[in-house]
Amino acid sequence: EEIMSKFGIMERGAGRTKRQIESAPLNSLFFCNHTQIDYTKELANFIKRDDIGIKSISFISDGKWRGLSNYILIDHACEISEKNWDLITVHNSRFK
């Protein structure tokens, strides 16, 4: 099955991001670059993961994610501070 979209999902390969979304726990939140939100939403829909919430990575750097009750994933192409990585690791440990 192929998808023809303005984001070129098949052309881009949808590799690492696709694997991240596929393996995410149910109702996770996936944070990506704000310029990739539409593409990432379409990708999640294409692989039947419409349970995944897609948000801008700025949500992480602003600290707005604290207190959420969802597993958090960061797109492989995003950079966040070591402090935020540590905090997210502790946050996600509640879901294992």
N, C-alpha and C. Protein backbone atom coordinates (compact mmCIF):
# COMPACT_ATOMS: atom_id res chain seq x y z
N GLU A 1 0.85 -1.19 0.00
CA GLU A 1 0.00 0.00 0.00
C GLU A 1 0.88 1.24 0.00
N GLU A 2 0.59 2.17 -0.87
CA GLU A 2 1.36 3.40 -0.94
C GLU A 2 0.46 4.57 -0.60
N ILE A 3 1.09 5.60 -0.14
CA ILE A 3 0.36 6.83 0.15
C ILE A 3 0.96 7.94 -0.69
N MET A 4 0.13 8.65 -1.34
CA MET A 4 0.57 9.82 -2.10
C MET A 4 0.14 11.04 -1.30
N SER A 5 1.11 11.76 -0.83
CA SER A 5 0.78 12.91 -0.01
C SER A 5 1.68 14.07 -0.33
N LYS A 6 1.26 15.24 0.08
CA LYS A 6 2.09 16.42 -0.14
C LYS A 6 3.36 16.36 0.69
N PHE A 7 3.43 15.44 1.67
CA PHE A 7 4.61 15.33 2.51
C PHE A 7 5.58 14.27 2.01
N GLY A 8 5.18 13.52 0.99
CA GLY A 8 6.07 12.52 0.40
C GLY A 8 6.49 11.44 1.37
N ILE A 9 5.56 10.89 2.12
CA ILE A 9 5.89 9.90 3.14
C ILE A 9 6.65 8.72 2.55
N MET A 10 6.20 8.19 1.43
CA MET A 10 6.89 7.04 0.85
C MET A 10 8.26 7.44 0.31
N GLU A 11 8.36 8.63 -0.22
CA GLU A 11 9.62 9.08 -0.79
C GLU A 11 10.67 9.31 0.29
N ARG A 12 10.27 9.76 1.45
CA ARG A 12 11.21 10.05 2.52
C ARG A 12 11.66 8.79 3.22
N GLY A 13 10.93 7.73 3.06
CA GLY A 13 11.31 6.47 3.67
C GLY A 13 10.63 6.23 5.01
N ALA A 14 10.30 7.27 5.72
CA ALA A 14 9.59 7.16 7.00
C ALA A 14 10.26 6.14 7.91
N GLY A 15 11.57 6.14 7.99
CA GLY A 15 12.33 5.14 8.72
C GLY A 15 12.31 5.25 10.22
N ARG A 16 13.22 6.01 10.79
CA ARG A 16 13.38 6.05 12.24
C ARG A 16 12.15 6.61 12.94
N THR A 17 11.60 7.70 12.41
CA THR A 17 10.41 8.28 13.02
C THR A 17 9.26 7.28 12.99
N LYS A 18 9.10 6.60 11.87
CA LYS A 18 8.04 5.59 11.76
C LYS A 18 8.22 4.51 12.82
N ARG A 19 9.44 4.01 12.98
CA ARG A 19 9.69 2.97 13.99
C ARG A 19 9.42 3.49 15.40
N GLN A 20 9.78 4.73 15.66
CA GLN A 20 9.50 5.31 16.99
C GLN A 20 8.00 5.31 17.27
N ILE A 21 7.23 5.76 16.30
CA ILE A 21 5.78 5.86 16.49
C ILE A 21 5.16 4.46 16.58
N GLU A 22 5.59 3.55 15.73
CA GLU A 22 5.04 2.19 15.75
C GLU A 22 5.25 1.52 17.11
N SER A 23 6.39 1.74 17.73
CA SER A 23 6.71 1.05 18.98
C SER A 23 6.27 1.81 20.22
N ALA A 24 5.65 2.95 20.04
CA ALA A 24 5.23 3.77 21.18
C ALA A 24 4.08 3.12 21.95
N PRO A 25 4.11 3.25 23.28
CA PRO A 25 2.96 2.78 24.06
C PRO A 25 1.68 3.52 23.65
N LEU A 26 0.56 2.90 23.88
CA LEU A 26 -0.74 3.48 23.57
C LEU A 26 -0.88 4.87 24.20
N ASN A 27 -1.42 5.81 23.45
CA ASN A 27 -1.70 7.18 23.91
C ASN A 27 -0.46 7.98 24.29
N SER A 28 0.66 7.65 23.69
CA SER A 28 1.89 8.41 23.94
C SER A 28 1.81 9.80 23.32
N LEU A 29 2.72 10.66 23.75
CA LEU A 29 2.89 11.96 23.12
C LEU A 29 4.24 11.96 22.42
N PHE A 30 4.23 12.38 21.16
CA PHE A 30 5.43 12.39 20.33
C PHE A 30 5.76 13.84 20.02
N PHE A 31 6.97 14.25 20.37
CA PHE A 31 7.40 15.63 20.18
C PHE A 31 8.39 15.71 19.03
N CYS A 32 8.11 16.63 18.10
CA CYS A 32 8.97 16.79 16.92
C CYS A 32 9.14 18.28 16.62
N ASN A 33 10.01 18.56 15.67
CA ASN A 33 10.23 19.93 15.23
C ASN A 33 8.91 20.50 14.71
N HIS A 34 8.65 21.76 15.03
CA HIS A 34 7.36 22.35 14.64
C HIS A 34 7.14 22.33 13.13
N THR A 35 8.22 22.31 12.35
CA THR A 35 8.06 22.28 10.90
C THR A 35 7.67 20.89 10.40
N GLN A 36 7.73 19.88 11.27
CA GLN A 36 7.42 18.50 10.88
C GLN A 36 6.10 17.98 11.46
N ILE A 37 5.35 18.84 12.13
CA ILE A 37 4.13 18.38 12.80
C ILE A 37 3.12 17.80 11.81
N ASP A 38 2.85 18.49 10.72
CA ASP A 38 1.86 17.98 9.76
C ASP A 38 2.31 16.65 9.16
N TYR A 39 3.57 16.56 8.77
CA TYR A 39 4.11 15.31 8.23
C TYR A 39 3.98 14.17 9.25
N THR A 40 4.35 14.46 10.50
CA THR A 40 4.34 13.43 11.54
C THR A 40 2.91 12.98 11.85
N LYS A 41 1.97 13.90 11.85
CA LYS A 41 0.56 13.53 12.05
C LYS A 41 0.08 12.63 10.92
N GLU A 42 0.45 12.97 9.70
CA GLU A 42 0.03 12.16 8.56
C GLU A 42 0.68 10.78 8.62
N LEU A 43 1.94 10.73 9.01
CA LEU A 43 2.63 9.46 9.15
C LEU A 43 1.95 8.58 10.20
N ALA A 44 1.65 9.16 11.36
CA ALA A 44 0.98 8.41 12.43
C ALA A 44 -0.37 7.88 11.95
N ASN A 45 -1.10 8.69 11.23
CA ASN A 45 -2.39 8.27 10.69
C ASN A 45 -2.19 7.14 9.67
N PHE A 46 -1.19 7.26 8.82
CA PHE A 46 -0.90 6.27 7.79
C PHE A 46 -0.59 4.90 8.39
N ILE A 47 0.11 4.88 9.53
CA ILE A 47 0.44 3.60 10.16
C ILE A 47 -0.56 3.22 11.25
N LYS A 48 -1.72 3.87 11.20
CA LYS A 48 -2.85 3.53 12.08
C LYS A 48 -2.53 3.77 13.56
N ARG A 49 -1.79 4.84 13.85
CA ARG A 49 -1.48 5.19 15.24
C ARG A 49 -2.08 6.55 15.56
N ASP A 50 -3.40 6.66 15.35
CA ASP A 50 -4.07 7.92 15.65
C ASP A 50 -4.27 8.14 17.14
N ASP A 51 -3.82 7.19 17.97
CA ASP A 51 -3.85 7.38 19.42
C ASP A 51 -2.69 8.26 19.89
N ILE A 52 -1.69 8.44 19.04
CA ILE A 52 -0.49 9.20 19.40
C ILE A 52 -0.76 10.70 19.26
N GLY A 53 -0.44 11.46 20.29
CA GLY A 53 -0.52 12.92 20.21
C GLY A 53 0.78 13.47 19.66
N ILE A 54 0.70 14.40 18.73
CA ILE A 54 1.88 14.99 18.11
C ILE A 54 1.96 16.45 18.55
N LYS A 55 3.10 16.81 19.13
CA LYS A 55 3.29 18.18 19.66
C LYS A 55 4.64 18.73 19.20
N SER A 56 4.77 20.04 19.27
CA SER A 56 6.02 20.71 18.95
C SER A 56 7.04 20.48 20.06
N ILE A 57 8.31 20.34 19.68
CA ILE A 57 9.38 20.15 20.65
C ILE A 57 9.50 21.34 21.59
N SER A 58 9.02 22.50 21.19
CA SER A 58 9.08 23.67 22.08
C SER A 58 8.28 23.43 23.36
N PHE A 59 7.31 22.54 23.30
CA PHE A 59 6.52 22.15 24.46
C PHE A 59 7.43 21.57 25.54
N ILE A 60 8.49 20.86 25.12
CA ILE A 60 9.45 20.26 26.05
C ILE A 60 10.33 21.34 26.66
N SER A 61 10.92 22.17 25.82
CA SER A 61 11.84 23.18 26.34
C SER A 61 11.14 24.20 27.22
N ASP A 62 9.84 24.40 27.01
CA ASP A 62 9.06 25.32 27.85
C ASP A 62 8.66 24.68 29.18
N GLY A 63 8.88 23.37 29.33
CA GLY A 63 8.52 22.68 30.57
C GLY A 63 7.04 22.39 30.72
N LYS A 64 6.27 22.60 29.66
CA LYS A 64 4.82 22.41 29.74
C LYS A 64 4.41 20.94 29.85
N TRP A 65 5.34 20.04 29.58
CA TRP A 65 5.03 18.60 29.60
C TRP A 65 4.95 18.05 31.01
N ARG A 66 5.53 18.74 31.96
CA ARG A 66 5.56 18.22 33.34
C ARG A 66 4.15 18.08 33.88
N GLY A 67 3.90 16.97 34.51
CA GLY A 67 2.58 16.69 35.05
C GLY A 67 1.69 15.91 34.10
N LEU A 68 2.15 15.68 32.87
CA LEU A 68 1.35 14.89 31.93
C LEU A 68 1.33 13.44 32.35
N SER A 69 0.28 12.75 31.98
CA SER A 69 0.17 11.33 32.34
C SER A 69 0.33 10.43 31.12
N ASN A 70 1.10 10.89 30.14
CA ASN A 70 1.34 10.13 28.92
C ASN A 70 2.83 9.80 28.81
N TYR A 71 3.13 8.67 28.17
CA TYR A 71 4.51 8.35 27.83
C TYR A 71 4.98 9.39 26.82
N ILE A 72 6.22 9.83 26.93
CA ILE A 72 6.76 10.88 26.08
C ILE A 72 7.86 10.32 25.18
N LEU A 73 7.74 10.62 23.89
CA LEU A 73 8.78 10.27 22.92
C LEU A 73 9.28 11.54 22.26
N ILE A 74 10.57 11.57 22.00
CA ILE A 74 11.18 12.71 21.32
C ILE A 74 11.68 12.21 19.96
N ASP A 75 11.30 12.90 18.90
CA ASP A 75 11.74 12.52 17.57
C ASP A 75 13.27 12.49 17.53
N HIS A 76 13.79 11.48 16.86
CA HIS A 76 15.24 11.29 16.78
C HIS A 76 15.96 12.51 16.22
N ALA A 77 15.28 13.33 15.42
CA ALA A 77 15.91 14.48 14.79
C ALA A 77 15.93 15.72 15.68
N CYS A 78 15.34 15.64 16.87
CA CYS A 78 15.27 16.79 17.78
C CYS A 78 16.38 16.74 18.82
N GLU A 79 16.78 17.92 19.24
CA GLU A 79 17.75 18.03 20.32
C GLU A 79 17.08 18.69 21.52
N ILE A 80 17.30 18.09 22.69
CA ILE A 80 16.83 18.70 23.92
C ILE A 80 17.97 18.67 24.92
N SER A 81 17.82 19.43 25.98
CA SER A 81 18.89 19.52 26.98
C SER A 81 19.04 18.20 27.73
N GLU A 82 20.22 18.00 28.26
CA GLU A 82 20.47 16.80 29.06
C GLU A 82 19.55 16.74 30.28
N LYS A 83 19.29 17.90 30.85
CA LYS A 83 18.38 17.97 32.01
C LYS A 83 16.99 17.47 31.63
N ASN A 84 16.47 17.92 30.48
CA ASN A 84 15.15 17.47 30.04
C ASN A 84 15.16 15.98 29.71
N TRP A 85 16.25 15.46 29.10
CA TRP A 85 16.34 14.02 28.84
C TRP A 85 16.22 13.25 30.14
N ASP A 86 16.96 13.72 31.16
CA ASP A 86 16.92 13.04 32.45
C ASP A 86 15.53 13.07 33.07
N LEU A 87 14.88 14.22 33.02
CA LEU A 87 13.53 14.35 33.59
C LEU A 87 12.52 13.48 32.84
N ILE A 88 12.63 13.43 31.53
CA ILE A 88 11.72 12.61 30.74
C ILE A 88 11.96 11.14 30.99
N THR A 89 13.22 10.74 31.17
CA THR A 89 13.54 9.34 31.49
C THR A 89 12.88 8.93 32.79
N VAL A 90 12.96 9.79 33.80
CA VAL A 90 12.32 9.50 35.09
C VAL A 90 10.79 9.45 34.90
N HIS A 91 10.25 10.42 34.18
CA HIS A 91 8.80 10.46 33.90
C HIS A 91 8.35 9.16 33.23
N ASN A 92 9.07 8.73 32.19
CA ASN A 92 8.68 7.54 31.43
C ASN A 92 8.87 6.26 32.20
N SER A 93 9.72 6.26 33.22
CA SER A 93 9.95 5.04 34.00
C SER A 93 8.67 4.60 34.73
N ARG A 94 7.73 5.48 34.90
CA ARG A 94 6.45 5.13 35.54
C ARG A 94 5.59 4.23 34.66
N PHE A 95 5.91 4.13 33.39
CA PHE A 95 5.08 3.39 32.43
C PHE A 95 5.61 2.01 32.11
N LYS A 96 6.71 1.62 32.70
CA LYS A 96 7.32 0.31 32.36
C LYS A 96 6.87 -0.77 33.28
